[in-house]
């Protein structure tokens, strides 16, 4: 998996702009949570689709970025959580055991 690290609020503007060219996924990960580790491992076991950009956020280290994501994309914060961004807006979000690569791919289509 080619994760792009998300660690600054300023990157969110870039993500919004990128999402007009290709779908972008933000994966919010808690390094202290076994469910979050399980969700991350499930994503990493599947080949990464070439047409989707994936960002990884360590929300414990960068909580302010996580808070800004919730505010900017108007989603309730959860952990672990994936957000699918298309055309500048969050069009899909899922958390915990609902995080599955096949569903992300289906929603991105």
Foldseek 3Di string as FASTA:
>chain_A
DDADEDADLVCLVVQLVVQQVAKEKEWEAAPPDPLRVVLVVQVVVDDDDPRYHYYYYHCVNRVVSQVVCCVQQVHDDDHGKMFIHHNRHTPDMDHGPVRHPVVSVVSRD
